[in-house]
Protein backbone atom coordinates (compact mmCIF):
# COMPACT_ATOMS: atom_id res chain seq x y z
CA MET A 1 90.36 132.43 119.22
CA PRO A 2 91.92 135.60 117.75
CA THR A 3 91.68 135.95 114.00
CA LEU A 4 95.44 136.23 113.58
CA HIS A 5 95.91 132.76 115.06
CA LEU A 6 93.46 131.08 112.73
CA ARG A 7 94.87 128.73 110.12
CA ALA A 8 93.02 129.09 106.82
CA ALA A 9 92.54 126.64 103.97
CA ILE A 10 90.79 126.94 100.62
CA TYR A 11 89.05 124.44 98.37
CA ALA A 12 88.17 124.88 94.69
CA ARG A 13 86.78 122.50 92.07
CA VAL A 14 85.77 122.46 88.41
CA SER A 15 83.86 119.57 86.89
CA SER A 16 85.52 119.25 83.46
CA GLU A 17 88.94 119.50 81.89
CA ARG A 18 87.65 122.20 79.57
CA GLN A 19 86.73 124.42 82.50
CA ALA A 20 90.12 123.78 84.05
CA GLN A 21 91.89 124.77 80.83
CA GLU A 22 89.79 127.91 80.46
CA GLY A 23 90.98 129.16 83.83
CA THR A 24 87.79 128.70 85.82
CA ILE A 25 89.76 127.13 88.65
CA ALA A 26 92.14 130.12 88.61
CA SER A 27 89.25 132.56 88.99
CA GLN A 28 87.98 130.64 92.00
CA LEU A 29 91.39 130.63 93.63
CA GLU A 30 91.82 134.35 93.00
CA ALA A 31 88.48 135.18 94.66
CA LEU A 32 89.24 132.89 97.60
CA ASP A 33 92.72 134.36 98.10
CA ARG A 34 91.26 137.84 98.05
CA ARG A 35 88.73 136.93 100.75
CA VAL A 36 91.43 135.32 102.90
CA ARG A 37 93.55 138.48 102.69
CA ASP A 38 90.54 140.67 103.47
CA ASP A 39 90.02 138.66 106.66
CA GLY A 40 93.63 139.31 107.64
CA LEU A 41 94.74 135.71 107.17
CA GLY A 42 97.18 133.78 105.00
CA CYS A 43 96.98 130.36 103.41
CA ASP A 44 99.93 127.99 103.26
CA PRO A 45 100.53 126.20 99.94
CA GLU A 46 99.86 122.78 101.48
CA LEU A 47 96.41 123.97 102.58
CA ARG A 48 95.27 124.87 99.06
CA PHE A 49 93.09 121.99 97.84
CA THR A 50 92.01 121.96 94.17
CA ASP A 51 90.22 119.29 92.15
CA ASP A 52 90.69 120.08 88.47
CA GLY A 53 88.27 118.39 86.09
CA VAL A 54 86.58 116.20 88.72
CA SER A 55 82.83 115.68 88.75
CA GLY A 56 80.88 117.00 91.70
CA THR A 57 78.84 113.79 91.87
CA LEU A 58 81.86 111.86 93.13
CA LEU A 59 82.65 112.00 96.81
CA LEU A 60 86.00 110.26 96.37
CA ARG A 61 88.22 113.07 95.00
CA PRO A 62 91.98 113.42 95.52
CA ALA A 63 92.03 116.97 96.90
CA LEU A 64 88.83 116.51 98.91
CA GLU A 65 90.25 113.37 100.49
CA ARG A 66 93.39 115.24 101.55
CA LEU A 67 91.26 118.09 102.86
CA ARG A 68 89.20 115.75 105.03
CA ASP A 69 92.34 114.05 106.35
CA GLN A 70 93.93 117.39 107.22
CA ALA A 71 90.73 118.58 108.88
CA ALA A 72 90.64 115.45 111.04
CA ALA A 73 94.28 116.09 111.97
CA GLY A 74 93.48 119.67 113.02
CA SER A 75 95.71 121.29 110.42
CA PHE A 76 93.41 124.28 109.83
CA ASP A 77 90.58 126.11 111.57
CA ARG A 78 88.71 127.85 108.74
CA LEU A 79 87.93 126.67 105.21
CA TYR A 80 87.06 129.03 102.37
CA VAL A 81 84.90 127.72 99.50
CA GLN A 82 83.22 129.66 96.74
CA ASP A 83 79.89 127.88 96.84
CA PRO A 84 78.31 124.80 98.48
CA ASP A 85 78.05 123.01 95.13
CA ARG A 86 81.88 123.03 94.95
CA PHE A 87 81.70 120.37 97.64
CA SER A 88 79.20 118.35 95.65
CA ARG A 89 76.28 118.62 93.28
CA LYS A 90 74.36 116.28 95.56
CA TYR A 91 72.77 117.89 98.57
CA ALA A 92 73.23 114.77 100.72
CA TYR A 93 76.99 114.89 100.12
CA GLN A 94 77.07 118.58 101.00
CA VAL A 95 75.43 117.88 104.35
CA LEU A 96 77.79 114.96 105.01
CA ILE A 97 80.92 117.05 104.39
CA LEU A 98 79.66 120.04 106.37
CA GLU A 99 78.77 117.87 109.36
CA GLU A 100 82.16 116.17 109.22
CA LEU A 101 84.00 119.50 109.14
CA ASP A 102 81.86 120.78 112.00
CA ARG A 103 82.83 117.77 114.11
CA CYS A 104 86.48 118.56 113.37
CA GLY A 105 85.98 122.10 114.60
CA VAL A 106 86.45 123.67 111.17
CA GLU A 107 84.52 126.84 110.30
CA VAL A 108 83.35 126.88 106.67
CA VAL A 109 83.08 130.22 104.88
CA PHE A 110 81.19 130.36 101.57
CA LEU A 111 81.76 133.37 99.36
CA CYS A 112 78.23 132.94 97.98
CA ASN A 113 75.35 132.28 100.40
CA PRO A 114 77.42 132.11 103.62
CA LEU A 115 76.28 129.92 106.48
CA SER A 116 74.78 131.60 109.52
CA ASP A 117 72.59 130.94 112.53
CA ASP A 118 69.60 132.38 110.69
CA PRO A 119 67.21 129.52 109.76
CA ALA A 120 66.10 131.39 106.64
CA ALA A 121 69.69 131.69 105.40
CA ASN A 122 70.37 128.01 106.03
CA LEU A 123 67.16 127.13 104.20
CA LEU A 124 68.44 129.09 101.21
CA VAL A 125 71.64 127.01 101.19
CA GLN A 126 69.61 123.80 101.31
CA VAL A 127 67.38 124.90 98.46
CA GLN A 128 70.43 125.88 96.43
CA GLY A 129 71.90 122.40 96.93
CA MET A 130 68.73 120.74 95.69
CA ILE A 131 68.57 123.10 92.70
CA ALA A 132 72.18 122.24 91.82
CA GLU A 133 71.30 118.55 91.85
CA TYR A 134 68.26 119.24 89.66
CA GLU A 135 70.38 121.23 87.18
CA ARG A 136 72.86 118.37 86.94
CA ALA A 137 70.01 115.96 86.12
CA LYS A 138 68.84 118.31 83.35
CA ILE A 139 72.36 118.58 81.92
CA MET A 140 72.70 114.79 81.86
CA GLU A 141 69.35 114.42 80.10
CA ARG A 142 70.23 117.02 77.47
CA SER A 143 73.58 115.34 76.92
CA ARG A 144 71.93 111.94 76.55
CA ARG A 145 69.42 113.19 73.99
CA GLY A 146 72.15 115.01 72.06
CA LYS A 147 74.30 111.88 71.89
CA GLN A 148 71.31 109.80 70.86
CA HIS A 149 70.53 112.22 68.02
CA ALA A 150 74.17 112.15 66.86
CA ALA A 151 74.21 108.35 66.95
CA ARG A 152 71.12 108.16 64.77
CA ARG A 153 72.91 110.34 62.22
CA GLY A 154 75.76 107.84 62.17
CA SER A 155 78.30 109.98 64.03
CA VAL A 156 81.01 108.14 65.95
CA ASN A 157 81.61 111.11 68.25
CA VAL A 158 79.31 109.56 70.85
CA LEU A 159 81.36 106.39 71.18
CA SER A 160 83.78 106.12 74.07
CA ALA A 161 86.92 104.95 72.28
CA ALA A 162 88.09 103.39 69.03
CA PRO A 163 88.42 99.59 69.12
CA TYR A 164 91.72 97.82 68.56
CA GLY A 165 92.80 98.30 64.96
CA TYR A 166 91.40 101.84 64.67
CA ARG A 167 92.41 105.32 65.74
CA TYR A 168 89.83 107.95 66.60
CA ILE A 169 90.17 111.23 64.70
CA ARG A 170 88.57 114.11 66.57
CA LYS A 171 86.13 116.38 64.81
CA GLN A 172 88.60 119.26 65.27
CA ASP A 173 91.09 117.30 63.15
CA GLY A 174 88.58 115.64 60.84
CA ASP A 175 86.89 118.57 59.05
CA GLY A 176 84.21 118.95 61.72
CA GLU A 177 83.26 115.28 61.91
CA GLY A 178 84.84 112.56 64.03
CA ARG A 179 85.80 109.29 62.35
CA TYR A 180 87.81 106.11 62.72
CA GLN A 181 91.11 105.63 60.93
CA VAL A 182 92.54 102.17 60.34
CA VAL A 183 95.87 101.39 62.02
CA ALA A 184 97.53 98.96 59.60
CA GLU A 185 99.63 96.99 62.10
CA GLU A 186 96.80 96.58 64.60
CA ALA A 187 94.33 95.74 61.80
CA ARG A 188 96.61 92.90 60.68
CA VAL A 189 96.59 91.45 64.21
CA ALA A 190 92.81 91.80 64.51
CA ARG A 191 92.33 90.03 61.17
CA ARG A 192 94.49 87.11 62.32
CA ILE A 193 92.55 86.81 65.56
CA PHE A 194 89.29 86.44 63.64
CA GLU A 195 90.92 83.87 61.33
CA TRP A 196 92.25 81.83 64.23
CA VAL A 197 88.86 81.69 65.89
CA GLY A 198 86.62 81.44 62.82
CA ARG A 199 88.75 79.22 60.57
CA ASP A 200 91.04 77.31 62.92
CA HIS A 201 88.46 77.10 65.76
CA CYS A 202 91.03 78.17 68.34
CA SER A 203 90.00 78.82 71.91
CA LEU A 204 90.53 82.20 73.52
CA SER A 205 93.41 80.81 75.57
CA GLU A 206 95.05 79.45 72.44
CA VAL A 207 94.74 82.86 70.77
CA THR A 208 96.45 84.56 73.72
CA ARG A 209 99.26 81.98 73.59
CA ARG A 210 99.80 82.57 69.89
CA LEU A 211 99.88 86.32 70.32
CA LYS A 212 102.40 86.04 73.12
CA GLY A 213 104.48 83.58 71.10
CA GLU A 214 104.69 86.02 68.19
CA GLY A 215 105.59 88.90 70.50
CA VAL A 216 102.43 90.91 69.75
CA ARG A 217 101.76 93.51 72.42
CA THR A 218 98.45 94.99 73.46
CA ARG A 219 97.54 98.59 72.74
CA THR A 220 98.86 99.57 76.15
CA GLY A 221 102.15 97.73 75.58
CA LEU A 222 101.50 94.61 77.65
CA THR A 223 102.91 91.26 76.56
CA GLU A 224 100.06 89.27 78.11
CA TRP A 225 96.68 89.31 76.38
CA ASP A 226 93.60 88.70 78.49
CA PRO A 227 91.03 86.26 77.05
CA SER A 228 88.24 88.69 77.95
CA THR A 229 89.87 91.31 75.68
CA ILE A 230 89.82 88.85 72.78
CA CYS A 231 86.19 88.03 73.54
CA GLU A 232 85.22 91.71 73.45
CA MET A 233 86.94 92.11 70.09
CA LEU A 234 85.05 89.16 68.62
CA ARG A 235 81.73 90.54 69.86
CA ASN A 236 82.36 94.14 68.79
CA PRO A 237 80.11 94.97 65.81
CA ALA A 238 82.55 97.69 64.66
CA TYR A 239 84.65 95.01 62.93
CA LYS A 240 81.79 94.27 60.55
CA GLY A 241 81.16 97.92 59.74
CA THR A 242 78.53 98.82 62.32
CA ALA A 243 78.66 100.41 65.75
CA ALA A 244 76.17 100.32 68.61
CA TYR A 245 75.26 103.07 71.05
CA GLY A 246 72.83 103.01 73.94
CA LYS A 247 72.72 99.25 74.28
CA THR A 248 72.06 99.52 78.01
CA ARG A 249 68.40 100.00 78.84
CA ALA A 250 66.67 100.57 82.12
CA GLY A 251 64.25 97.88 83.20
CA PRO A 252 62.58 96.39 86.26
CA TYR A 253 64.90 95.68 89.11
CA LYS A 254 65.74 92.04 89.59
CA PRO A 255 67.58 91.29 92.82
CA LYS A 256 70.62 89.09 92.49
CA ARG A 257 70.42 85.55 93.69
CA ILE A 258 72.48 85.19 96.82
CA ARG A 259 74.23 81.88 97.25
CA PRO A 260 73.49 80.37 100.67
CA LEU A 261 76.24 79.63 103.12
CA ARG A 262 77.78 76.19 102.98
CA GLY A 263 75.69 73.74 104.94
CA GLN A 264 72.57 75.90 104.81
CA ALA A 265 69.62 75.35 102.56
CA GLU A 266 68.65 78.16 100.18
CA ILE A 267 64.92 77.62 100.83
CA PRO A 268 63.67 76.06 104.03
CA LYS A 269 62.61 72.56 103.21
CA LYS A 270 59.34 71.08 104.31
CA PRO A 271 59.57 68.45 107.01
CA MET A 272 59.76 65.02 105.43
CA THR A 273 57.34 62.35 106.52
CA ARG A 274 58.80 59.00 107.44
CA VAL A 275 57.96 56.21 105.08
CA ASP A 276 58.56 52.69 106.29
CA THR A 277 60.08 50.46 103.61
CA PRO A 278 58.68 46.95 103.43
CA PRO A 279 61.09 44.11 104.21
CA ARG A 280 62.70 42.28 101.34
CA THR A 281 61.01 39.12 100.25
CA GLY A 282 63.87 37.78 98.14
CA PRO A 283 66.46 35.22 99.18
CA HIS A 284 68.80 36.06 101.97
CA ARG A 285 71.61 34.44 103.84
CA PRO A 286 70.76 31.91 106.50
CA GLY A 287 70.84 33.15 110.03
CA ARG A 288 70.02 36.72 109.08
CA GLY A 289 66.73 38.47 108.98
CA PRO A 290 65.55 40.66 106.16
CA ARG A 291 67.54 43.84 105.74
């Protein structure tokens, strides 16, 4: 197929919002556009796929999903990507996407470490994919240890979000240290919830009915309160002045118990031996034998 008749597409990805804001995605797009022009091609706007601030460990990404759909529909013939790890940080996902594009007849062009028929070059791409996965594991471990150290110092920066009744103040706005700030209106509602349960012995369903009757909305503006939300509030140690981090621990794998189908025994039963019951010796009606 002549080069001028090829339809080109580009794909770019950054793994965090910070990288997207700093223009990393723009630098990728600029380099890809330059390579497309050098090859004498053009790229239509609808064939520019970008995932801003999306982790490379996820295979389900908005732009990548559209790219795969368009490839299956035959919308383009050549795809330009900066590096294989833009597809994924996991080597298995890289192979899956490349094989899928190959079945669709799409030629993939990497700006770094391009694919070729040379086994040595393909081996280099495979090694790079495994190294990218190893680097991600190291980043996660460093992040975990850093958060653990901050939690031991009493910093709330490591927590995911402020509970109902509090507002999280970022360290940029809190003199270099993140903290919780009490929201007076929400704190009043939280205090009443604890009073209803602790003093009046109300059930969770009764608490939700009272909140709805008084017109109290959730943090997201809903009129209906879920009992599980109330339960999480009652169990949250932040309301008594403490916070927990790293409560989840890894342990031995325990497979879940699978409920058997209706009419089937969970464990095959042993065959039962027949036991003959002795005839009754008590009184019985005339004309009838023992039951």
